[in-house]
All heavy atoms as atom14 arrays in JSON, in Angstrom:
{
  "sequence": "DLYSPDPDFRSNLGRAMRGRREKFVLQAHLCSVWKDGQYKRTRDLAEV",
  "atom14_mask": [
    [1, 1, 1, 1, 1, 1, 1, 1, 0, 0, 0, 0, 0, 0],
    [1, 1, 1, 1, 1, 1, 1, 1, 0, 0, 0, 0, 0, 0],
    [1, 1, 1, 1, 1, 1, 1, 1, 1, 1, 1, 1, 0, 0],
    [1, 1, 1, 1, 1, 1, 0, 0, 0, 0, 0, 0, 0, 0],
    [1, 1, 1, 1, 1, 1, 1, 0, 0, 0, 0, 0, 0, 0],
    [1, 1, 1, 1, 1, 1, 1, 1, 0, 0, 0, 0, 0, 0],
    [1, 1, 1, 1, 1, 1, 1, 0, 0, 0, 0, 0, 0, 0],
    [1, 1, 1, 1, 1, 1, 1, 1, 0, 0, 0, 0, 0, 0],
    [1, 1, 1, 1, 1, 1, 1, 1, 1, 1, 1, 0, 0, 0],
    [1, 1, 1, 1, 1, 1, 1, 1, 1, 1, 1, 0, 0, 0],
    [1, 1, 1, 1, 1, 1, 0, 0, 0, 0, 0, 0, 0, 0],
    [1, 1, 1, 1, 1, 1, 1, 1, 0, 0, 0, 0, 0, 0],
    [1, 1, 1, 1, 1, 1, 1, 1, 0, 0, 0, 0, 0, 0],
    [1, 1, 1, 1, 0, 0, 0, 0, 0, 0, 0, 0, 0, 0],
    [1, 1, 1, 1, 1, 1, 1, 1, 1, 1, 1, 0, 0, 0],
    [1, 1, 1, 1, 1, 0, 0, 0, 0, 0, 0, 0, 0, 0],
    [1, 1, 1, 1, 1, 1, 1, 1, 0, 0, 0, 0, 0, 0],
    [1, 1, 1, 1, 1, 1, 1, 1, 1, 1, 1, 0, 0, 0],
    [1, 1, 1, 1, 0, 0, 0, 0, 0, 0, 0, 0, 0, 0],
    [1, 1, 1, 1, 1, 1, 1, 1, 1, 1, 1, 0, 0, 0],
    [1, 1, 1, 1, 1, 1, 1, 1, 1, 1, 1, 0, 0, 0],
    [1, 1, 1, 1, 1, 1, 1, 1, 1, 0, 0, 0, 0, 0],
    [1, 1, 1, 1, 1, 1, 1, 1, 1, 0, 0, 0, 0, 0],
    [1, 1, 1, 1, 1, 1, 1, 1, 1, 1, 1, 0, 0, 0],
    [1, 1, 1, 1, 1, 1, 1, 0, 0, 0, 0, 0, 0, 0],
    [1, 1, 1, 1, 1, 1, 1, 1, 0, 0, 0, 0, 0, 0],
    [1, 1, 1, 1, 1, 1, 1, 1, 1, 0, 0, 0, 0, 0],
    [1, 1, 1, 1, 1, 0, 0, 0, 0, 0, 0, 0, 0, 0],
    [1, 1, 1, 1, 1, 1, 1, 1, 1, 1, 0, 0, 0, 0],
    [1, 1, 1, 1, 1, 1, 1, 1, 0, 0, 0, 0, 0, 0],
    [1, 1, 1, 1, 1, 1, 0, 0, 0, 0, 0, 0, 0, 0],
    [1, 1, 1, 1, 1, 1, 0, 0, 0, 0, 0, 0, 0, 0],
    [1, 1, 1, 1, 1, 1, 1, 0, 0, 0, 0, 0, 0, 0],
    [1, 1, 1, 1, 1, 1, 1, 1, 1, 1, 1, 1, 1, 1],
    [1, 1, 1, 1, 1, 1, 1, 1, 1, 0, 0, 0, 0, 0],
    [1, 1, 1, 1, 1, 1, 1, 1, 0, 0, 0, 0, 0, 0],
    [1, 1, 1, 1, 0, 0, 0, 0, 0, 0, 0, 0, 0, 0],
    [1, 1, 1, 1, 1, 1, 1, 1, 1, 0, 0, 0, 0, 0],
    [1, 1, 1, 1, 1, 1, 1, 1, 1, 1, 1, 1, 0, 0],
    [1, 1, 1, 1, 1, 1, 1, 1, 1, 0, 0, 0, 0, 0],
    [1, 1, 1, 1, 1, 1, 1, 1, 1, 1, 1, 0, 0, 0],
    [1, 1, 1, 1, 1, 1, 1, 0, 0, 0, 0, 0, 0, 0],
    [1, 1, 1, 1, 1, 1, 1, 1, 1, 1, 1, 0, 0, 0],
    [1, 1, 1, 1, 1, 1, 1, 1, 0, 0, 0, 0, 0, 0],
    [1, 1, 1, 1, 1, 1, 1, 1, 0, 0, 0, 0, 0, 0],
    [1, 1, 1, 1, 1, 0, 0, 0, 0, 0, 0, 0, 0, 0],
    [1, 1, 1, 1, 1, 1, 1, 1, 1, 0, 0, 0, 0, 0],
    [1, 1, 1, 1, 1, 1, 1, 0, 0, 0, 0, 0, 0, 0]
  ],
  "atom14_positions": [
    [[-163.76, -112.02, 20.89], [-164.28, -111.26, 22.04], [-165.78, -111.09, 21.9], [-166.29, -110.79, 20.82], [-163.61, -109.9, 22.15], [-164.12, -109.13, 23.37], [-163.8, -109.57, 24.5], [-164.85, -108.14, 23.19], [0.0, 0.0, 0.0], [0.0, 0.0, 0.0], [0.0, 0.0, 0.0], [0.0, 0.0, 0.0], [0.0, 0.0, 0.0], [0.0, 0.0, 0.0]],
    [[-166.5, -111.25, 23.01], [-167.96, -111.25, 22.98], [-168.54, -110.21, 23.94], [-169.42, -110.51, 24.73], [-168.48, -112.64, 23.36], [-167.94, -113.81, 22.52], [-168.43, -115.14, 23.08], [-168.35, -113.66, 21.07], [0.0, 0.0, 0.0], [0.0, 0.0, 0.0], [0.0, 0.0, 0.0], [0.0, 0.0, 0.0], [0.0, 0.0, 0.0], [0.0, 0.0, 0.0]],
    [[-168.06, -108.97, 23.84], [-168.55, -107.96, 24.79], [-170.01, -107.61, 24.57], [-170.73, -107.24, 25.5], [-167.69, -106.69, 24.72], [-168.12, -105.71, 23.66], [-169.13, -104.79, 23.91], [-167.53, -105.73, 22.4], [-169.53, -103.89, 22.92], [-167.93, -104.86, 21.42], [-168.93, -103.93, 21.68], [-169.33, -103.07, 20.71], [0.0, 0.0, 0.0], [0.0, 0.0, 0.0]],
    [[-170.48, -107.73, 23.32], [-171.86, -107.32, 23.04], [-172.85, -108.38, 23.53], [-172.71, -109.56, 23.22], [-172.06, -107.12, 21.53], [-173.44, -106.86, 21.26], [0.0, 0.0, 0.0], [0.0, 0.0, 0.0], [0.0, 0.0, 0.0], [0.0, 0.0, 0.0], [0.0, 0.0, 0.0], [0.0, 0.0, 0.0], [0.0, 0.0, 0.0], [0.0, 0.0, 0.0]],
    [[-173.9, -107.94, 24.26], [-174.91, -108.88, 24.73], [-176.06, -109.06, 23.74], [-177.05, -109.74, 24.06], [-175.42, -108.21, 26.01], [-175.33, -106.74, 25.7], [-174.12, -106.58, 24.81], [0.0, 0.0, 0.0], [0.0, 0.0, 0.0], [0.0, 0.0, 0.0], [0.0, 0.0, 0.0], [0.0, 0.0, 0.0], [0.0, 0.0, 0.0], [0.0, 0.0, 0.0]],
    [[-175.96, -108.47, 22.55], [-177.05, -108.55, 21.57], [-177.46, -110.01, 21.36], [-176.64, -110.83, 20.93], [-176.6, -107.94, 20.25], [-177.69, -107.95, 19.2], [-177.86, -108.99, 18.54], [-178.39, -106.93, 19.07], [0.0, 0.0, 0.0], [0.0, 0.0, 0.0], [0.0, 0.0, 0.0], [0.0, 0.0, 0.0], [0.0, 0.0, 0.0], [0.0, 0.0, 0.0]],
    [[-178.71, -110.36, 21.67], [-179.11, -111.77, 21.62], [-179.05, -112.37, 20.21], [-178.71, -113.55, 20.05], [-180.55, -111.75, 22.16], [-181.01, -110.35, 22.01], [-179.8, -109.49, 22.16], [0.0, 0.0, 0.0], [0.0, 0.0, 0.0], [0.0, 0.0, 0.0], [0.0, 0.0, 0.0], [0.0, 0.0, 0.0], [0.0, 0.0, 0.0], [0.0, 0.0, 0.0]],
    [[-179.37, -111.59, 19.19], [-179.32, -112.12, 17.82], [-177.89, -112.45, 17.43], [-177.62, -113.49, 16.8], [-179.91, -111.11, 16.84], [-181.42, -110.95, 17.0], [-182.06, -111.89, 17.51], [-181.95, -109.88, 16.63], [0.0, 0.0, 0.0], [0.0, 0.0, 0.0], [0.0, 0.0, 0.0], [0.0, 0.0, 0.0], [0.0, 0.0, 0.0], [0.0, 0.0, 0.0]],
    [[-176.95, -111.58, 17.8], [-175.55, -111.85, 17.51], [-175.1, -113.14, 18.18], [-174.48, -114.0, 17.56], [-174.68, -110.68, 17.97], [-173.27, -111.07, 18.29], [-172.41, -111.53, 17.3], [-172.79, -111.01, 19.6], [-171.1, -111.93, 17.61], [-171.51, -111.4, 19.91], [-170.66, -111.85, 18.91], [0.0, 0.0, 0.0], [0.0, 0.0, 0.0], [0.0, 0.0, 0.0]],
    [[-175.41, -113.28, 19.45], [-174.99, -114.47, 20.18], [-175.57, -115.74, 19.55], [-174.88, -116.76, 19.4], [-175.4, -114.36, 21.65], [-174.58, -113.35, 22.44], [-175.11, -113.21, 23.86], [-174.22, -112.43, 24.71], [-174.49, -112.09, 25.97], [-175.64, -112.48, 26.52], [-173.62, -111.38, 26.67], [0.0, 0.0, 0.0], [0.0, 0.0, 0.0], [0.0, 0.0, 0.0]],
    [[-176.85, -115.69, 19.2], [-177.49, -116.86, 18.59], [-176.89, -117.17, 17.23], [-176.65, -118.34, 16.89], [-179.0, -116.62, 18.46], [-179.61, -116.49, 19.74], [0.0, 0.0, 0.0], [0.0, 0.0, 0.0], [0.0, 0.0, 0.0], [0.0, 0.0, 0.0], [0.0, 0.0, 0.0], [0.0, 0.0, 0.0], [0.0, 0.0, 0.0], [0.0, 0.0, 0.0]],
    [[-176.64, -116.15, 16.44], [-176.04, -116.37, 15.12], [-174.64, -116.96, 15.22], [-174.27, -117.85, 14.45], [-175.99, -115.05, 14.35], [-177.34, -114.61, 13.83], [-178.24, -115.43, 13.64], [-177.5, -113.31, 13.6], [0.0, 0.0, 0.0], [0.0, 0.0, 0.0], [0.0, 0.0, 0.0], [0.0, 0.0, 0.0], [0.0, 0.0, 0.0], [0.0, 0.0, 0.0]],
    [[-173.87, -116.46, 16.19], [-172.51, -116.98, 16.36], [-172.55, -118.43, 16.82], [-171.79, -119.27, 16.33], [-171.73, -116.12, 17.35], [-170.29, -116.56, 17.6], [-169.47, -116.53, 16.32], [-169.63, -115.67, 18.67], [0.0, 0.0, 0.0], [0.0, 0.0, 0.0], [0.0, 0.0, 0.0], [0.0, 0.0, 0.0], [0.0, 0.0, 0.0], [0.0, 0.0, 0.0]],
    [[-173.43, -118.73, 17.79], [-173.55, -120.11, 18.26], [-173.89, -121.06, 17.13], [-173.3, -122.15, 16.99], [0.0, 0.0, 0.0], [0.0, 0.0, 0.0], [0.0, 0.0, 0.0], [0.0, 0.0, 0.0], [0.0, 0.0, 0.0], [0.0, 0.0, 0.0], [0.0, 0.0, 0.0], [0.0, 0.0, 0.0], [0.0, 0.0, 0.0], [0.0, 0.0, 0.0]],
    [[-174.84, -120.65, 16.29], [-175.23, -121.48, 15.14], [-174.07, -121.62, 14.16], [-173.83, -122.72, 13.63], [-176.44, -120.84, 14.47], [-176.99, -121.6, 13.27], [-178.15, -120.84, 12.66], [-178.56, -121.4, 11.39], [-179.39, -120.81, 10.53], [-179.91, -119.61, 10.83], [-179.7, -121.39, 9.37], [0.0, 0.0, 0.0], [0.0, 0.0, 0.0], [0.0, 0.0, 0.0]],
    [[-173.33, -120.53, 13.92], [-172.23, -120.56, 12.96], [-171.07, -121.44, 13.43], [-170.3, -121.95, 12.61], [-171.73, -119.15, 12.7], [0.0, 0.0, 0.0], [0.0, 0.0, 0.0], [0.0, 0.0, 0.0], [0.0, 0.0, 0.0], [0.0, 0.0, 0.0], [0.0, 0.0, 0.0], [0.0, 0.0, 0.0], [0.0, 0.0, 0.0], [0.0, 0.0, 0.0]],
    [[-170.95, -121.63, 14.74], [-169.85, -122.44, 15.28], [-170.2, -123.92, 15.41], [-169.36, -124.71, 15.84], [-169.41, -121.9, 16.65], [-168.7, -120.58, 16.62], [-167.93, -120.15, 18.21], [-169.39, -120.13, 19.28], [0.0, 0.0, 0.0], [0.0, 0.0, 0.0], [0.0, 0.0, 0.0], [0.0, 0.0, 0.0], [0.0, 0.0, 0.0], [0.0, 0.0, 0.0]],
    [[-171.44, -124.3, 15.08], [-171.83, -125.7, 15.21], [-170.86, -126.62, 14.49], [-170.5, -126.4, 13.33], [-173.23, -125.91, 14.64], [-174.35, -125.34, 15.5], [-175.69, -125.52, 14.82], [-176.76, -124.83, 15.56], [-178.0, -124.66, 15.09], [-178.32, -125.14, 13.89], [-178.89, -124.03, 15.82], [0.0, 0.0, 0.0], [0.0, 0.0, 0.0], [0.0, 0.0, 0.0]],
    [[-170.42, -127.65, 15.18], [-169.51, -128.62, 14.59], [-168.05, -128.2, 14.6], [-167.19, -128.98, 14.19], [0.0, 0.0, 0.0], [0.0, 0.0, 0.0], [0.0, 0.0, 0.0], [0.0, 0.0, 0.0], [0.0, 0.0, 0.0], [0.0, 0.0, 0.0], [0.0, 0.0, 0.0], [0.0, 0.0, 0.0], [0.0, 0.0, 0.0], [0.0, 0.0, 0.0]],
    [[-167.77, -127.0, 15.08], [-166.38, -126.53, 15.1], [-166.09, -125.64, 16.31], [-165.14, -124.86, 16.31], [-166.05, -125.8, 13.81], [-167.07, -124.74, 13.4], [-166.73, -124.08, 12.08], [-167.79, -123.21, 11.6], [-167.7, -122.48, 10.49], [-166.58, -122.49, 9.78], [-168.72, -121.74, 10.09], [0.0, 0.0, 0.0], [0.0, 0.0, 0.0], [0.0, 0.0, 0.0]],
    [[-166.92, -125.76, 17.32], [-166.77, -124.94, 18.52], [-165.37, -125.05, 19.11], [-164.79, -124.05, 19.59], [-167.82, -125.36, 19.56], [-167.58, -124.91, 21.0], [-167.69, -123.41, 21.16], [-167.39, -123.02, 22.52], [-166.18, -122.71, 22.97], [-165.13, -122.72, 22.14], [-166.0, -122.36, 24.23], [0.0, 0.0, 0.0], [0.0, 0.0, 0.0], [0.0, 0.0, 0.0]],
    [[-164.77, -126.25, 19.05], [-163.47, -126.48, 19.69], [-162.34, -125.72, 19.01], [-161.24, -125.61, 19.56], [-163.14, -127.97, 19.7], [-162.73, -128.57, 18.36], [-163.9, -128.79, 17.39], [-165.06, -128.61, 17.8], [-163.63, -129.16, 16.22], [0.0, 0.0, 0.0], [0.0, 0.0, 0.0], [0.0, 0.0, 0.0], [0.0, 0.0, 0.0], [0.0, 0.0, 0.0]],
    [[-162.59, -125.15, 17.85], [-161.56, -124.42, 17.12], [-161.44, -122.97, 17.56], [-160.55, -122.26, 17.09], [-161.84, -124.49, 15.61], [-161.76, -125.91, 15.06], [-161.94, -125.94, 13.56], [-161.81, -127.38, 13.05], [-161.96, -127.44, 11.56], [0.0, 0.0, 0.0], [0.0, 0.0, 0.0], [0.0, 0.0, 0.0], [0.0, 0.0, 0.0], [0.0, 0.0, 0.0]],
    [[-162.31, -122.54, 18.47], [-162.34, -121.13, 18.84], [-162.19, -120.95, 20.35], [-162.61, -121.78, 21.15], [-163.64, -120.49, 18.36], [-163.8, -120.54, 16.87], [-164.6, -121.49, 16.27], [-163.09, -119.66, 16.07], [-164.71, -121.56, 14.89], [-163.19, -119.71, 14.68], [-164.01, -120.66, 14.09], [0.0, 0.0, 0.0], [0.0, 0.0, 0.0], [0.0, 0.0, 0.0]],
    [[-161.55, -119.83, 20.7], [-161.38, -119.41, 22.09], [-162.35, -118.26, 22.32], [-162.22, -117.2, 21.7], [-159.94, -118.95, 22.36], [-159.8, -118.37, 23.76], [-158.97, -120.11, 22.15], [0.0, 0.0, 0.0], [0.0, 0.0, 0.0], [0.0, 0.0, 0.0], [0.0, 0.0, 0.0], [0.0, 0.0, 0.0], [0.0, 0.0, 0.0], [0.0, 0.0, 0.0]],
    [[-163.34, -118.48, 23.19], [-164.37, -117.47, 23.42], [-164.04, -116.64, 24.66], [-163.87, -117.17, 25.76], [-165.73, -118.14, 23.59], [-166.23, -118.96, 22.4], [-167.64, -119.48, 22.65], [-166.18, -118.15, 21.11], [0.0, 0.0, 0.0], [0.0, 0.0, 0.0], [0.0, 0.0, 0.0], [0.0, 0.0, 0.0], [0.0, 0.0, 0.0], [0.0, 0.0, 0.0]],
    [[-163.96, -115.34, 24.45], [-163.75, -114.39, 25.54], [-165.11, -113.78, 25.84], [-165.49, -112.74, 25.32], [-162.73, -113.33, 25.1], [-162.36, -112.34, 26.19], [-161.19, -111.47, 25.8], [-160.04, -111.84, 26.02], [-161.44, -110.32, 25.21], [0.0, 0.0, 0.0], [0.0, 0.0, 0.0], [0.0, 0.0, 0.0], [0.0, 0.0, 0.0], [0.0, 0.0, 0.0]],
    [[-165.89, -114.49, 26.67], [-167.27, -114.12, 26.96], [-167.32, -113.17, 28.16], [-166.65, -113.4, 29.16], [-168.09, -115.37, 27.23], [0.0, 0.0, 0.0], [0.0, 0.0, 0.0], [0.0, 0.0, 0.0], [0.0, 0.0, 0.0], [0.0, 0.0, 0.0], [0.0, 0.0, 0.0], [0.0, 0.0, 0.0], [0.0, 0.0, 0.0], [0.0, 0.0, 0.0]],
    [[-168.12, -112.13, 28.05], [-168.15, -111.11, 29.09], [-169.27, -111.35, 30.11], [-170.42, -111.62, 29.74], [-168.34, -109.73, 28.47], [-167.11, -109.22, 27.79], [-166.54, -108.0, 28.1], [-166.31, -109.77, 26.84], [-165.46, -107.82, 27.35], [-165.31, -108.88, 26.57], [0.0, 0.0, 0.0], [0.0, 0.0, 0.0], [0.0, 0.0, 0.0], [0.0, 0.0, 0.0]],
    [[-168.89, -111.26, 31.37], [-169.86, -111.16, 32.46], [-170.22, -109.68, 32.62], [-169.42, -108.81, 32.29], [-169.25, -111.69, 33.76], [-168.64, -113.1, 33.73], [-167.92, -113.37, 35.04], [-169.68, -114.14, 33.48], [0.0, 0.0, 0.0], [0.0, 0.0, 0.0], [0.0, 0.0, 0.0], [0.0, 0.0, 0.0], [0.0, 0.0, 0.0], [0.0, 0.0, 0.0]],
    [[-171.38, -109.4, 33.14], [-171.8, -108.03, 33.47], [-172.2, -107.21, 32.24], [-172.5, -106.02, 32.37], [-170.73, -107.26, 34.24], [-170.12, -108.11, 35.72], [0.0, 0.0, 0.0], [0.0, 0.0, 0.0], [0.0, 0.0, 0.0], [0.0, 0.0, 0.0], [0.0, 0.0, 0.0], [0.0, 0.0, 0.0], [0.0, 0.0, 0.0], [0.0, 0.0, 0.0]],
    [[-172.21, -107.81, 31.07], [-172.71, -107.15, 29.87], [-174.0, -107.86, 29.48], [-173.97, -109.0, 29.02], [-171.69, -107.24, 28.74], [-172.19, -106.68, 27.55], [0.0, 0.0, 0.0], [0.0, 0.0, 0.0], [0.0, 0.0, 0.0], [0.0, 0.0, 0.0], [0.0, 0.0, 0.0], [0.0, 0.0, 0.0], [0.0, 0.0, 0.0], [0.0, 0.0, 0.0]],
    [[-175.14, -107.2, 29.7], [-176.44, -107.87, 29.55], [-177.36, -107.08, 28.62], [-177.12, -105.92, 28.3], [-177.12, -108.06, 30.93], [-176.22, -108.86, 31.86], [-177.47, -106.72, 31.57], [0.0, 0.0, 0.0], [0.0, 0.0, 0.0], [0.0, 0.0, 0.0], [0.0, 0.0, 0.0], [0.0, 0.0, 0.0], [0.0, 0.0, 0.0], [0.0, 0.0, 0.0]],
    [[-178.41, -107.75, 28.19], [-179.42, -107.16, 27.32], [-180.65, -106.85, 28.17], [-181.26, -107.74, 28.75], [-179.77, -108.13, 26.2], [-180.48, -107.52, 25.03], [-181.79, -107.69, 24.72], [-179.93, -106.68, 24.02], [-182.1, -107.0, 23.57], [-180.97, -106.36, 23.12], [-178.66, -106.14, 23.8], [-180.79, -105.56, 22.0], [-178.47, -105.34, 22.69], [-179.51, -105.05, 21.81]],
    [[-181.0, -105.59, 28.26], [-182.11, -105.18, 29.13], [-182.98, -104.19, 28.38], [-182.48, -103.18, 27.85], [-181.55, -104.52, 30.41], [-182.55, -104.41, 31.55], [-182.74, -105.74, 32.24], [-183.56, -105.57, 33.52], [-183.8, -106.86, 34.19], [0.0, 0.0, 0.0], [0.0, 0.0, 0.0], [0.0, 0.0, 0.0], [0.0, 0.0, 0.0], [0.0, 0.0, 0.0]],
    [[-184.28, -104.46, 28.32], [-185.22, -103.56, 27.64], [-184.78, -103.24, 26.22], [-184.86, -102.09, 25.76], [-185.4, -102.26, 28.45], [-185.93, -102.51, 29.85], [-186.77, -103.43, 30.0], [-185.49, -101.82, 30.79], [0.0, 0.0, 0.0], [0.0, 0.0, 0.0], [0.0, 0.0, 0.0], [0.0, 0.0, 0.0], [0.0, 0.0, 0.0], [0.0, 0.0, 0.0]],
    [[-184.28, -104.26, 25.53], [-183.93, -104.1, 24.13], [-182.64, -103.38, 23.85], [-182.39, -102.95, 22.72], [0.0, 0.0, 0.0], [0.0, 0.0, 0.0], [0.0, 0.0, 0.0], [0.0, 0.0, 0.0], [0.0, 0.0, 0.0], [0.0, 0.0, 0.0], [0.0, 0.0, 0.0], [0.0, 0.0, 0.0], [0.0, 0.0, 0.0], [0.0, 0.0, 0.0]],
    [[-181.77, -103.25, 24.88], [-180.5, -102.58, 24.64], [-179.42, -103.08, 25.6], [-179.71, -103.74, 26.61], [-180.65, -101.06, 24.79], [-181.09, -100.61, 26.16], [-181.31, -99.1, 26.22], [-181.25, -98.41, 25.2], [-181.57, -98.58, 27.4], [0.0, 0.0, 0.0], [0.0, 0.0, 0.0], [0.0, 0.0, 0.0], [0.0, 0.0, 0.0], [0.0, 0.0, 0.0]],
    [[-178.17, -102.74, 25.26], [-177.02, -103.1, 26.09], [-177.06, -102.41, 27.44], [-177.43, -101.24, 27.56], [-175.73, -102.7, 25.36], [-174.53, -102.43, 26.25], [-173.76, -103.48, 26.74], [-174.18, -101.14, 26.59], [-172.65, -103.23, 27.53], [-173.06, -100.87, 27.4], [-172.31, -101.93, 27.86], [-171.22, -101.68, 28.66], [0.0, 0.0, 0.0], [0.0, 0.0, 0.0]],
    [[-176.65, -103.14, 28.49], [-176.53, -102.57, 29.83], [-175.32, -103.19, 30.51], [-175.14, -104.41, 30.48], [-177.79, -102.84, 30.66], [-177.69, -102.35, 32.1], [-178.92, -102.75, 32.92], [-178.79, -102.34, 34.38], [-179.96, -102.79, 35.19], [0.0, 0.0, 0.0], [0.0, 0.0, 0.0], [0.0, 0.0, 0.0], [0.0, 0.0, 0.0], [0.0, 0.0, 0.0]],
    [[-174.5, -102.35, 31.1], [-173.43, -102.84, 31.98], [-174.0, -102.9, 33.39], [-174.55, -101.92, 33.88], [-172.23, -101.91, 31.94], [-171.09, -102.37, 32.85], [-169.91, -101.43, 32.84], [-170.23, -100.11, 33.39], [-169.33, -99.18, 33.69], [-168.06, -99.43, 33.48], [-169.7, -98.02, 34.16], [0.0, 0.0, 0.0], [0.0, 0.0, 0.0], [0.0, 0.0, 0.0]],
    [[-173.86, -104.05, 34.03], [-174.49, -104.22, 35.34], [-173.52, -104.83, 36.33], [-172.58, -105.52, 35.97], [-175.73, -105.12, 35.22], [-176.38, -105.2, 36.49], [-175.35, -106.53, 34.79], [0.0, 0.0, 0.0], [0.0, 0.0, 0.0], [0.0, 0.0, 0.0], [0.0, 0.0, 0.0], [0.0, 0.0, 0.0], [0.0, 0.0, 0.0], [0.0, 0.0, 0.0]],
    [[-173.77, -104.53, 37.61], [-173.07, -105.2, 38.7], [-174.07, -105.94, 39.6], [-173.7, -106.47, 40.64], [-172.28, -104.2, 39.54], [-171.25, -103.39, 38.75], [-170.18, -104.25, 38.14], [-169.18, -103.45, 37.43], [-168.82, -103.65, 36.18], [-169.39, -104.63, 35.48], [-167.91, -102.9, 35.59], [0.0, 0.0, 0.0], [0.0, 0.0, 0.0], [0.0, 0.0, 0.0]],
    [[-175.32, -105.96, 39.18], [-176.36, -106.68, 39.9], [-176.15, -108.18, 39.67], [-176.2, -108.66, 38.53], [-177.74, -106.25, 39.41], [-178.87, -106.99, 40.12], [-179.21, -108.11, 39.68], [-179.39, -106.45, 41.12], [0.0, 0.0, 0.0], [0.0, 0.0, 0.0], [0.0, 0.0, 0.0], [0.0, 0.0, 0.0], [0.0, 0.0, 0.0], [0.0, 0.0, 0.0]],
    [[-175.92, -108.92, 40.74], [-175.51, -110.31, 40.62], [-176.56, -111.16, 39.94], [-176.23, -112.05, 39.13], [-175.16, -110.88, 41.99], [-174.46, -112.24, 42.01], [-173.21, -112.23, 41.14], [-174.11, -112.65, 43.44], [0.0, 0.0, 0.0], [0.0, 0.0, 0.0], [0.0, 0.0, 0.0], [0.0, 0.0, 0.0], [0.0, 0.0, 0.0], [0.0, 0.0, 0.0]],
    [[-177.82, -110.9, 40.21], [-178.88, -111.67, 39.56], [-178.88, -111.44, 38.06], [-179.03, -112.38, 37.26], [-180.24, -111.29, 40.16], [0.0, 0.0, 0.0], [0.0, 0.0, 0.0], [0.0, 0.0, 0.0], [0.0, 0.0, 0.0], [0.0, 0.0, 0.0], [0.0, 0.0, 0.0], [0.0, 0.0, 0.0], [0.0, 0.0, 0.0], [0.0, 0.0, 0.0]],
    [[-178.69, -110.19, 37.64], [-178.62, -109.88, 36.21], [-177.38, -110.49, 35.57], [-177.43, -110.96, 34.43], [-178.63, -108.37, 35.99], [-179.95, -107.7, 36.33], [-179.92, -106.2, 36.08], [-178.82, -105.6, 36.04], [-181.02, -105.62, 35.92], [0.0, 0.0, 0.0], [0.0, 0.0, 0.0], [0.0, 0.0, 0.0], [0.0, 0.0, 0.0], [0.0, 0.0, 0.0]],
    [[-176.28, -110.47, 36.3], [-175.04, -111.05, 35.79], [-175.22, -112.55, 35.53], [-174.86, -113.06, 34.46], [-173.87, -110.81, 36.77], [-172.62, -111.58, 36.32], [-173.57, -109.32, 36.88], [0.0, 0.0, 0.0], [0.0, 0.0, 0.0], [0.0, 0.0, 0.0], [0.0, 0.0, 0.0], [0.0, 0.0, 0.0], [0.0, 0.0, 0.0], [0.0, 0.0, 0.0]]
  ]
}
């Protein structure tokens, strides 16, 4: 599950899955974004 929009986490996970991405099922969240250095839940379509 990928509810956190923390950019460092996402980048680290992407790098860690290199060469084995197909072995994982990613539950990626829409509407969970990184804004002004922190998590934000949004319904603004452009931000989503």
